[in-house]
Every structure is written in structure tokens, then in C-alpha cells.
Protein backbone atom coordinates (compact mmCIF):
# COMPACT_ATOMS: atom_id res chain seq x y z
CA UNK A 1 82.47 126.46 115.33
CA UNK A 2 79.41 126.11 113.11
CA UNK A 3 78.86 124.45 109.80
CA UNK A 4 76.90 126.06 106.95
CA UNK A 5 75.90 124.28 103.79
CA UNK A 6 77.50 125.68 100.63
CA UNK A 7 76.79 123.24 97.89
CA UNK A 8 75.82 119.62 97.18
CA UNK A 9 76.43 117.74 93.90
CA UNK A 10 73.98 114.90 93.33
CA UNK A 11 75.17 112.10 91.11
CA UNK A 12 78.77 113.28 91.54
CA UNK A 13 79.74 109.72 90.62
CA UNK A 14 77.86 106.88 88.88
CA UNK A 15 77.93 104.77 92.08
CA UNK A 16 78.56 104.98 95.87
CA UNK A 17 81.28 107.49 96.89
CA UNK A 18 83.48 105.86 99.48
CA UNK A 19 86.48 108.11 99.75
CA UNK A 20 87.30 111.78 99.98
CA UNK A 21 90.46 113.88 100.63
CA UNK A 22 91.91 117.23 99.75
CA UNK A 23 94.98 117.73 97.55
CA UNK A 24 96.65 120.82 99.21
CA UNK A 25 97.23 124.06 97.29
CA UNK A 26 100.40 124.33 95.22
CA UNK A 27 102.15 127.42 93.84
CA UNK A 28 100.00 127.24 90.74
CA UNK A 29 96.54 126.26 91.97
CA UNK A 30 94.23 126.23 94.97
CA UNK A 31 93.33 123.09 96.80
CA UNK A 32 91.35 120.37 94.94
CA UNK A 33 88.83 117.93 96.35
CA UNK A 34 89.46 114.25 95.43
CA UNK A 35 86.70 111.65 95.63
CA UNK A 36 86.77 107.95 95.03
CA UNK A 37 83.82 105.76 93.99
CA UNK A 38 82.60 102.25 93.37
CA UNK A 39 82.30 103.47 89.75
CA UNK A 40 86.02 102.81 89.65
CA UNK A 41 87.04 106.47 89.15
CA UNK A 42 88.72 109.28 91.12
CA UNK A 43 87.29 112.67 90.46
CA UNK A 44 89.00 116.00 91.09
CA UNK A 45 86.82 118.96 92.00
CA UNK A 46 87.38 122.76 92.34
CA UNK A 47 87.69 123.65 95.95
CA UNK A 48 84.79 126.06 96.48
CA UNK A 49 82.29 125.45 93.76
CA UNK A 50 82.63 121.69 93.28
CA UNK A 51 83.05 122.00 89.50
CA UNK A 52 84.51 118.79 88.03
CA UNK A 53 88.07 119.38 86.86
CA UNK A 54 89.12 115.85 85.84
CA UNK A 55 88.17 112.18 86.09
CA UNK A 56 90.95 109.75 86.79
CA UNK A 57 90.51 106.19 85.47
CA UNK A 58 92.67 103.17 85.70
CA UNK A 59 91.14 100.87 88.33
CA UNK A 60 88.95 97.94 87.32
CA UNK A 61 87.02 97.71 90.57
CA UNK A 62 85.69 100.29 93.06
CA UNK A 63 87.99 102.77 94.76
CA UNK A 64 88.25 102.24 98.49
CA UNK A 65 90.55 105.10 99.56
CA UNK A 66 92.26 108.25 98.27
CA UNK A 67 95.24 109.99 99.79
CA UNK A 68 97.11 113.18 98.82
CA UNK A 69 100.76 113.98 99.23
CA UNK A 70 101.34 116.92 101.73
CA UNK A 71 102.83 119.03 98.89
CA UNK A 72 99.69 118.54 96.88
CA UNK A 73 101.39 117.44 93.69
CA UNK A 74 100.64 113.68 93.79
CA UNK A 75 97.87 111.47 95.08
CA UNK A 76 97.12 107.77 95.44
CA UNK A 77 94.04 105.71 95.07
CA UNK A 78 93.43 102.13 96.40
CA UNK A 79 90.91 99.82 94.86
CA UNK A 80 89.14 96.57 95.43
CA UNK A 81 91.18 95.38 92.41
CA UNK A 82 94.17 95.13 94.92
CA UNK A 83 96.19 97.89 93.20
CA UNK A 84 97.32 101.27 94.49
CA UNK A 85 97.60 103.83 91.68
CA UNK A 86 99.87 106.80 92.32
CA UNK A 87 99.19 109.75 89.97
CA UNK A 88 100.18 113.34 89.24
CA UNK A 89 97.26 115.53 90.48
CA UNK A 90 97.51 118.10 87.76
CA UNK A 91 98.17 115.92 84.71
CA UNK A 92 96.49 112.60 85.81
CA UNK A 93 99.59 110.82 84.59
CA UNK A 94 100.28 107.56 86.36
CA UNK A 95 103.44 107.73 88.45
CA UNK A 96 103.49 104.20 89.90
CA UNK A 97 101.22 101.16 90.28
CA UNK A 98 101.57 99.17 93.48
CA UNK A 99 100.26 95.59 93.54
CA UNK A 100 99.11 93.66 96.62
CA UNK A 101 97.42 90.29 97.21
CA UNK A 102 93.57 90.33 97.16
CA UNK A 103 91.90 92.19 100.04
CA UNK A 104 95.18 93.85 101.15
CA UNK A 105 94.77 97.47 100.16
CA UNK A 106 92.36 99.63 102.17
CA UNK A 107 92.79 103.03 103.66
CA UNK A 108 95.99 104.89 102.87
CA UNK A 109 97.84 107.89 104.30
CA UNK A 110 101.04 109.76 103.39
CA UNK A 111 103.30 110.60 106.26
CA UNK A 112 103.62 114.34 107.28
CA UNK A 113 106.77 114.78 105.23
CA UNK A 114 105.46 112.80 102.20
CA UNK A 115 108.30 110.27 102.26
CA UNK A 116 106.28 107.19 103.02
CA UNK A 117 102.85 105.95 101.94
CA UNK A 118 101.21 103.74 104.60
CA UNK A 119 98.59 101.27 103.28
CA UNK A 120 96.24 99.34 105.58
CA UNK A 121 96.85 95.74 104.76
CA UNK A 122 93.39 94.21 105.19
CA UNK A 123 93.55 90.43 105.65
CA UNK A 124 97.27 90.29 106.10
CA UNK A 125 96.77 92.10 109.49
CA UNK A 126 99.51 94.63 108.69
CA UNK A 127 100.45 98.02 107.37
CA UNK A 128 102.60 98.24 104.24
CA UNK A 129 104.99 101.15 103.87
CA UNK A 130 106.10 102.33 100.48
CA UNK A 131 108.96 104.71 99.82
CA UNK A 132 107.56 107.63 97.71
CA UNK A 133 110.90 108.27 95.92
CA UNK A 134 111.38 104.74 94.63
CA UNK A 135 107.86 103.31 95.08
CA UNK A 136 109.41 100.24 96.69
CA UNK A 137 107.97 98.39 99.63
CA UNK A 138 110.29 99.25 102.49
CA UNK A 139 108.59 97.65 105.50
CA UNK A 140 105.61 95.62 106.60
CA UNK A 141 104.31 96.30 110.11
CA UNK A 142 102.46 93.22 111.34
CA UNK A 143 100.01 93.23 114.29
CA UNK A 144 101.16 90.56 116.73
CA UNK A 145 98.82 87.63 117.06
CA UNK A 146 97.01 87.22 120.42
CA UNK A 147 99.06 84.90 122.62
CA UNK A 148 97.26 81.73 123.52
CA UNK A 149 97.45 77.93 123.50
CA UNK A 150 95.79 77.59 120.11
CA UNK A 151 95.32 80.84 118.37
CA UNK A 152 92.51 80.20 115.85
CA UNK A 153 92.22 81.40 112.28
CA UNK A 154 88.96 83.01 113.26
CA UNK A 155 90.62 85.24 115.80
CA UNK A 156 93.37 86.13 113.43
CA UNK A 157 90.89 87.12 110.67
CA UNK A 158 89.37 89.65 112.94
CA UNK A 159 92.58 91.62 112.86
CA UNK A 160 91.65 92.64 109.33
CA UNK A 161 93.16 96.13 109.07
CA UNK A 162 90.76 98.80 107.80
CA UNK A 163 92.24 102.16 108.73
CA UNK A 164 95.53 103.90 109.32
CA UNK A 165 96.75 107.31 110.66
CA UNK A 166 100.10 109.09 111.21
CA UNK A 167 100.85 111.22 114.20
CA UNK A 168 101.67 114.86 113.25
CA UNK A 169 105.32 114.44 114.04
CA UNK A 170 105.53 111.27 111.92
CA UNK A 171 106.78 109.15 114.80
CA UNK A 172 103.80 107.03 115.33
CA UNK A 173 101.43 105.05 113.09
CA UNK A 174 98.13 103.69 114.22
CA UNK A 175 95.73 101.25 112.58
CA UNK A 176 92.25 100.12 113.31
CA UNK A 177 90.99 96.59 112.83
CA UNK A 178 87.84 94.68 112.26
CA UNK A 179 87.75 93.44 115.87
CA UNK A 180 87.76 96.92 117.30
CA UNK A 181 91.37 96.98 118.42
CA UNK A 182 93.72 99.87 117.52
CA UNK A 183 97.42 99.06 117.16
CA UNK A 184 100.14 101.72 117.62
CA UNK A 185 103.64 101.37 116.01
CA UNK A 186 106.85 103.28 116.36
CA UNK A 187 107.17 104.37 112.72
CA UNK A 188 110.87 105.22 112.95
CA UNK A 189 111.90 101.78 114.24
CA UNK A 190 109.03 99.87 112.50
CA UNK A 191 108.18 98.34 115.93
CA UNK A 192 104.83 97.45 117.39
CA UNK A 193 104.26 99.30 120.69
CA UNK A 194 100.79 98.48 122.13
CA UNK A 195 97.10 98.08 121.47
CA UNK A 196 94.37 100.61 122.41
CA UNK A 197 91.12 99.03 123.60
CA UNK A 198 87.61 100.21 124.11
CA UNK A 199 85.81 99.52 120.75
CA UNK A 200 84.16 96.12 120.18
CA UNK A 201 83.30 96.55 116.51
CA UNK A 202 85.28 97.59 113.40
CA UNK A 203 87.32 100.78 113.51
CA UNK A 204 86.93 102.14 110.05
CA UNK A 205 88.63 105.56 110.53
CA UNK A 206 91.35 107.13 112.62
CA UNK A 207 92.98 110.52 112.79
CA UNK A 208 95.52 112.20 115.07
CA UNK A 209 95.18 115.72 116.44
CA UNK A 210 97.23 118.10 114.20
CA UNK A 211 98.74 119.64 117.38
CA UNK A 212 99.03 116.82 119.87
CA UNK A 213 100.91 113.77 118.74
CA UNK A 214 99.47 111.78 121.60
CA UNK A 215 95.82 112.53 120.81
CA UNK A 216 94.10 110.09 118.55
CA UNK A 217 90.42 109.95 117.44
CA UNK A 218 88.70 106.74 116.28
CA UNK A 219 85.31 106.02 114.58
CA UNK A 220 83.65 102.63 115.03
CA UNK A 221 80.71 100.53 114.00
CA UNK A 222 79.78 100.45 117.74
CA UNK A 223 78.39 104.02 117.27
CA UNK A 224 81.09 105.66 119.41
CA UNK A 225 83.89 108.13 118.73
CA UNK A 226 86.83 107.68 121.05
CA UNK A 227 89.59 110.03 122.14
CA UNK A 228 92.83 108.17 123.20
CA UNK A 229 96.10 109.18 124.76
CA UNK A 230 97.84 106.94 122.30
CA UNK A 231 101.16 107.05 124.19
CA UNK A 232 99.67 106.47 127.60
CA UNK A 233 97.30 103.79 126.31
CA UNK A 234 94.41 105.54 127.91
CA UNK A 235 90.87 106.12 126.71
CA UNK A 236 90.32 109.84 127.69
CA UNK A 237 86.88 110.39 126.23
CA UNK A 238 83.88 108.75 124.47
CA UNK A 239 81.46 110.77 122.33
CA UNK A 240 78.08 109.22 121.45
CA UNK A 241 75.24 110.57 119.44
CA UNK A 242 75.02 108.80 116.06
CA UNK A 243 72.20 106.36 115.67
CA UNK A 244 74.31 103.76 113.90
CA UNK A 245 77.83 102.92 112.75
CA UNK A 246 80.32 105.77 112.72
CA UNK A 247 82.14 105.27 109.39
CA UNK A 248 84.57 108.20 109.28
CA UNK A 249 86.19 110.95 111.36
CA UNK A 250 88.40 113.91 110.62
CA UNK A 251 89.77 116.70 112.78
CA UNK A 252 89.71 120.39 111.98
CA UNK A 253 92.98 122.15 111.09
CA UNK A 254 92.91 124.15 114.39
CA UNK A 255 92.35 120.89 116.40
CA UNK A 256 89.28 122.35 118.11
CA UNK A 257 86.62 120.13 116.51
CA UNK A 258 86.07 116.82 114.73
CA UNK A 259 83.51 115.83 112.08
CA UNK A 260 82.06 112.33 111.70
CA UNK A 261 79.95 110.59 109.15
CA UNK A 262 77.60 107.68 109.86
CA UNK A 263 75.40 105.06 108.37
CA UNK A 264 72.60 106.99 109.99
CA UNK A 265 72.96 109.39 106.98
CA UNK A 266 74.18 112.33 109.01
CA UNK A 267 77.34 114.36 109.40
CA UNK A 268 78.03 115.56 112.98
CA UNK A 269 80.28 118.30 114.27
CA UNK A 270 81.79 117.77 117.69
CA UNK A 271 83.34 120.41 120.01
CA UNK A 272 86.35 118.84 121.61
CA UNK A 273 86.30 121.15 124.65
CA UNK A 274 82.71 120.17 125.34
CA UNK A 275 83.30 116.68 124.07
CA UNK A 276 79.80 116.90 122.65
CA UNK A 277 77.99 116.97 119.30
CA UNK A 278 77.13 120.61 118.54
CA UNK A 279 75.54 120.26 115.09
CA UNK A 280 74.01 117.62 112.84
CA UNK A 281 73.87 117.94 109.11
CA UNK A 282 71.31 115.81 107.13
CA UNK A 283 72.28 116.59 103.53
CA UNK A 284 72.72 112.94 102.61
CA UNK A 285 70.11 110.26 101.98
CA UNK A 286 72.32 107.26 102.58
CA UNK A 287 75.45 106.20 104.53
CA UNK A 288 78.19 108.90 104.86
CA UNK A 289 81.50 107.12 104.07
CA UNK A 290 83.93 110.03 104.21
CA UNK A 291 84.39 113.51 105.78
CA UNK A 292 87.43 115.71 105.17
CA UNK A 293 88.42 119.13 106.41
CA UNK A 294 90.32 121.24 103.84
CA UNK A 295 93.86 121.91 104.83
CA UNK A 296 95.02 125.49 105.35
CA UNK A 297 96.81 127.23 102.52
CA UNK A 298 96.07 128.78 99.19
CA UNK A 299 94.55 132.12 98.51
CA UNK A 300 91.34 131.75 100.55
CA UNK A 301 92.87 130.85 103.83
CA UNK A 302 90.22 132.63 105.89
CA UNK A 303 87.40 130.25 105.04
CA UNK A 304 87.26 126.69 106.36
CA UNK A 305 85.70 123.93 104.33
CA UNK A 306 84.42 120.45 105.11
CA UNK A 307 83.42 117.89 102.53
CA UNK A 308 81.32 114.69 102.94
CA UNK A 309 80.57 111.88 100.57
CA UNK A 310 77.95 109.10 100.60
CA UNK A 311 76.46 105.97 99.20
CA UNK A 312 73.86 108.22 97.68
CA UNK A 313 76.53 109.24 95.05
CA UNK A 314 76.60 112.86 96.24
CA UNK A 315 79.20 115.29 97.65
CA UNK A 316 78.28 118.00 100.17
CA UNK A 317 80.44 121.00 100.92
CA UNK A 318 80.12 123.04 104.07
CA UNK A 319 81.84 126.19 105.41
CA UNK A 320 82.70 126.71 109.03
CA UNK A 321 83.94 129.50 111.23
């Protein structure tokens, strides 16, 4: 696999761009790229030429995460204002507004069937699960506190939950914390299973392989990307190469490669058979907060796409084959 630059849009937002995802194709339109920014907006872009389709407003502080329903019809944005806004992708109409205490809405992901929206709970050291039919909170998965004679508030605060990921079969839910631990839950029984260890700094991004429900990838401020057997609790690989924090990771639709973004201002492509970085892209001039492979589907299924977003306010689009 090799990346080729297609297009970059400078000043795509009025402030840092922290979040990116793809709304899958529907029967009436191709995929759309969604970006979220500290300028308090979510913007929707045409898939191949990055022409702005719509700007979605409604938050009163910066957007920290965006997530799209697997059917492509609805999406959600979480903000530093402690609200999650659920909206119709094609009309921009608000479907639901979910409220949380301060600092308790961070990264979000819809489950593979689109029935549940999982929201990383920040300072509450938990994941909140919202039913997408009723938009009611149906469960809160709490990370167990470390057992000890006097668990301190300081150690508890390090469990601040930043990232969340679903396994492709929807049976497992993983979250990454400020202290570097990854917690794995049985999503069907809402039960904590175990921790995955190996990182020693914040885990800001997680993604499962689309084909192997055991294989989990993590990106951390310690500069490493880890591959875990999330069921066997085993660290099966470590990939290093970024010169600074690794802020985001995504896996290609065929499961053969991952892409990462870093505060070293680069996007890297990693071959999973080689477990090595095979390409470095230097389109951005500041920290890269998000990378996202376009899901398969739509009219142009032959061409792969990867998007990246940055503190430099820009979006870059790449093809790969």
C-alpha cells in the first residue's frame, strides 16, 4: 500500500481541527467527510474533492470528537461544552442533545450495528452507552479502581477516559485512559473484563481490526503504537517511529495497514505484515489530531481514501492502493 496526496484544504476551519470521520455512503449520496473543530462547528465535505457541503453549528465550545452511524444517515459530535449533539447528516437537523457533567464527553463511537453510541466518559473514568432508538442512557461501564489500602484521588484521576473502540463483532468495547491503561469490557453483559498494559502515557486513540475481533491497535503519547491480542491480554507488537506523541490511529478497510498522526506533524502509514512504517507524509505544519480511512461502499469503491486533520486548521486527503 502506498499513499498519494490528492488535495489539502488550508483554513478548512477557523481554528484547530481535532476530529475527523467518514459518514458512509447511502442510497442517495456518496460518503461524506466530517470534521470537528475548536471553532465549535462540524463541517461536511464532498468525498473526493473536499468541497464544503454544509456547516453544522450548535455547540458553544470546541468539538472534541465526531462519529457516524454505520448506515451513514446520522452522526454525532461531542464538545467541550459537555453536550453530545446527534444530527441528520443530510439535513443538519438536530435529532437529540445528550448532556453530561463537565469533562465527561470525549471520543465517541457507534457500535457496528448502530444500536448503541459509546461515549468516553473523561473524568468519570467510565464509558456511557446511549440507545440510538430512544437516546436514553442505558448503561455506564466504570473502570474498576486499583485495589490498595488507600486509593488516592490522584491515582483515580489518571483513569480519565480519552478514547473508545468497538470490536467488529460488537461484543467488546475498549477504552484508553490518561495513565496509559486500556480497559476491555464485555459489551453484551456490560461487564469489565481486564486491563491491557504496556503504555505509560495517555492513550488517545484506539481501533480494532475490521477482520479480527481480538486485534486492537492503540496510539499513545509515549510515541508508540501497540498491537494487542485484546482477548488474550497480550501485547503482540510495538511500532515506533514518530518523533513525538502519537495522537490518532485508524486501520485500513482491508485490515492490512494502519495510519497514525502525531504531534511531530506527520502522518505515517504502517504495513502490518512488516510491522513497520513504510511511508511518512508531511502535509501538515502542526499536530495531527485525526486520521480516518474512508469505509468501502458508494460508486467509487475501487479507490481508497485517507483523510487527516491538524491544529494547522487544514484537511489533507490521500489516495492509496
